[in-house]
């Protein structure tokens, strides 16, 4: 049930790779590029979209687990 959410999460992770940081820290090395990128876009785990995806995964998992428990009591 959360496969699509996990795909979104993994896709979002790609946006935070060093190769996606083109145009950031142009006058420095990889560390400068990463720092410049983080100042503009923030860190992956604290990104609002990433946090929303993680929250949605938790909510759907809890809902699914609760439904499974209720169905199991019907047997």
C-alpha atoms as a PDB file:
ATOM      1  CA  UNK A   1       0.000   0.000   0.000  1.00  0.00           C
ATOM      2  CA  UNK A   2       2.846   2.388   0.587  1.00  0.00           C
ATOM      3  CA  UNK A   3       4.841   1.407  -2.489  1.00  0.00           C
ATOM      4  CA  UNK A   4       3.993   4.643  -4.305  1.00  0.00           C
ATOM      5  CA  UNK A   5       4.959   6.694  -1.243  1.00  0.00           C
ATOM      6  CA  UNK A   6       8.272   4.858  -1.030  1.00  0.00           C
ATOM      7  CA  UNK A   7       8.881   5.583  -4.717  1.00  0.00           C
ATOM      8  CA  UNK A   8       8.197   9.292  -4.065  1.00  0.00           C
ATOM      9  CA  UNK A   9      10.612   9.210  -1.112  1.00  0.00           C
ATOM     10  CA  UNK A  10      13.353   7.593  -3.206  1.00  0.00           C
ATOM     11  CA  UNK A  11      12.733  10.073  -6.024  1.00  0.00           C
ATOM     12  CA  UNK A  12      13.023  12.972  -3.584  1.00  0.00           C
ATOM     13  CA  UNK A  13      16.319  11.538  -2.345  1.00  0.00           C
ATOM     14  CA  UNK A  14      17.689  11.801  -5.892  1.00  0.00           C
ATOM     15  CA  UNK A  15      17.108  15.564  -5.753  1.00  0.00           C
ATOM     16  CA  UNK A  16      19.637  15.788  -2.910  1.00  0.00           C
ATOM     17  CA  UNK A  17      22.536  13.914  -4.545  1.00  0.00           C
ATOM     18  CA  UNK A  18      25.789  15.656  -5.416  1.00  0.00           C
ATOM     19  CA  UNK A  19      25.066  15.283  -9.139  1.00  0.00           C
ATOM     20  CA  UNK A  20      21.803  17.224  -8.669  1.00  0.00           C
ATOM     21  CA  UNK A  21      23.661  20.144  -7.134  1.00  0.00           C
ATOM     22  CA  UNK A  22      24.663  21.598 -10.495  1.00  0.00           C
ATOM     23  CA  UNK A  23      24.966  25.353 -10.273  1.00  0.00           C
ATOM     24  CA  UNK A  24      25.618  25.398  -6.533  1.00  0.00           C
ATOM     25  CA  UNK A  25      29.049  26.315  -5.154  1.00  0.00           C
ATOM     26  CA  UNK A  26      30.399  26.872  -8.646  1.00  0.00           C
ATOM     27  CA  UNK A  27      33.567  28.527  -7.406  1.00  0.00           C
ATOM     28  CA  UNK A  28      34.447  25.732  -4.937  1.00  0.00           C
ATOM     29  CA  UNK A  29      34.766  22.008  -4.545  1.00  0.00           C
ATOM     30  CA  UNK A  30      32.250  19.348  -3.553  1.00  0.00           C
ATOM     31  CA  UNK A  31      32.047  20.514   0.070  1.00  0.00           C
ATOM     32  CA  UNK A  32      31.313  24.097  -0.955  1.00  0.00           C
ATOM     33  CA  UNK A  33      28.729  22.836  -3.441  1.00  0.00           C
ATOM     34  CA  UNK A  34      27.002  20.768  -0.706  1.00  0.00           C
ATOM     35  CA  UNK A  35      27.006  23.657   1.761  1.00  0.00           C
ATOM     36  CA  UNK A  36      25.633  26.083  -0.820  1.00  0.00           C
ATOM     37  CA  UNK A  37      22.943  23.578  -1.795  1.00  0.00           C
ATOM     38  CA  UNK A  38      21.929  23.000   1.843  1.00  0.00           C
ATOM     39  CA  UNK A  39      21.661  26.734   2.475  1.00  0.00           C
ATOM     40  CA  UNK A  40      19.201  27.030  -0.406  1.00  0.00           C
ATOM     41  CA  UNK A  41      17.255  23.753  -0.227  1.00  0.00           C
ATOM     42  CA  UNK A  42      18.010  22.493   3.264  1.00  0.00           C
ATOM     43  CA  UNK A  43      18.905  18.971   4.312  1.00  0.00           C
ATOM     44  CA  UNK A  44      17.064  15.932   2.978  1.00  0.00           C
ATOM     45  CA  UNK A  45      15.633  14.652   6.268  1.00  0.00           C
ATOM     46  CA  UNK A  46      14.367  18.088   7.335  1.00  0.00           C
ATOM     47  CA  UNK A  47      12.841  18.958   3.949  1.00  0.00           C
ATOM     48  CA  UNK A  48       9.087  19.621   4.288  1.00  0.00           C
ATOM     49  CA  UNK A  49       8.142  17.449   1.297  1.00  0.00           C
ATOM     50  CA  UNK A  50      10.238  14.544   2.567  1.00  0.00           C
ATOM     51  CA  UNK A  51       8.720  14.919   6.053  1.00  0.00           C
ATOM     52  CA  UNK A  52       5.208  14.911   4.552  1.00  0.00           C
ATOM     53  CA  UNK A  53       5.958  11.725   2.599  1.00  0.00           C
ATOM     54  CA  UNK A  54       7.333  10.021   5.713  1.00  0.00           C
ATOM     55  CA  UNK A  55       4.293  11.101   7.736  1.00  0.00           C
ATOM     56  CA  UNK A  56       1.956   9.788   5.042  1.00  0.00           C
ATOM     57  CA  UNK A  57       3.761   6.428   5.041  1.00  0.00           C
ATOM     58  CA  UNK A  58       3.370   6.198   8.840  1.00  0.00           C
ATOM     59  CA  UNK A  59      -0.326   7.105   8.692  1.00  0.00           C
ATOM     60  CA  UNK A  60      -1.124   4.634   5.906  1.00  0.00           C
ATOM     61  CA  UNK A  61       0.831   1.880   7.625  1.00  0.00           C
ATOM     62  CA  UNK A  62      -1.011   2.468  10.909  1.00  0.00           C
ATOM     63  CA  UNK A  63      -4.349   2.514   9.101  1.00  0.00           C
ATOM     64  CA  UNK A  64      -3.541  -0.702   7.267  1.00  0.00           C
ATOM     65  CA  UNK A  65      -2.313  -2.432  10.424  1.00  0.00           C
ATOM     66  CA  UNK A  66      -5.484  -1.403  12.257  1.00  0.00           C
ATOM     67  CA  UNK A  67      -7.657  -2.715   9.448  1.00  0.00           C
ATOM     68  CA  UNK A  68      -5.809  -6.029   9.408  1.00  0.00           C
ATOM     69  CA  UNK A  69      -6.329  -6.409  13.164  1.00  0.00           C
ATOM     70  CA  UNK A  70     -10.064  -5.699  12.851  1.00  0.00           C
ATOM     71  CA  UNK A  71     -10.465  -8.175   9.984  1.00  0.00           C
ATOM     72  CA  UNK A  72      -8.541 -10.819  11.961  1.00  0.00           C
ATOM     73  CA  UNK A  73     -11.087 -10.574  14.807  1.00  0.00           C
ATOM     74  CA  UNK A  74     -13.918 -11.387  12.391  1.00  0.00           C
ATOM     75  CA  UNK A  75     -12.694 -14.939  11.836  1.00  0.00           C
END
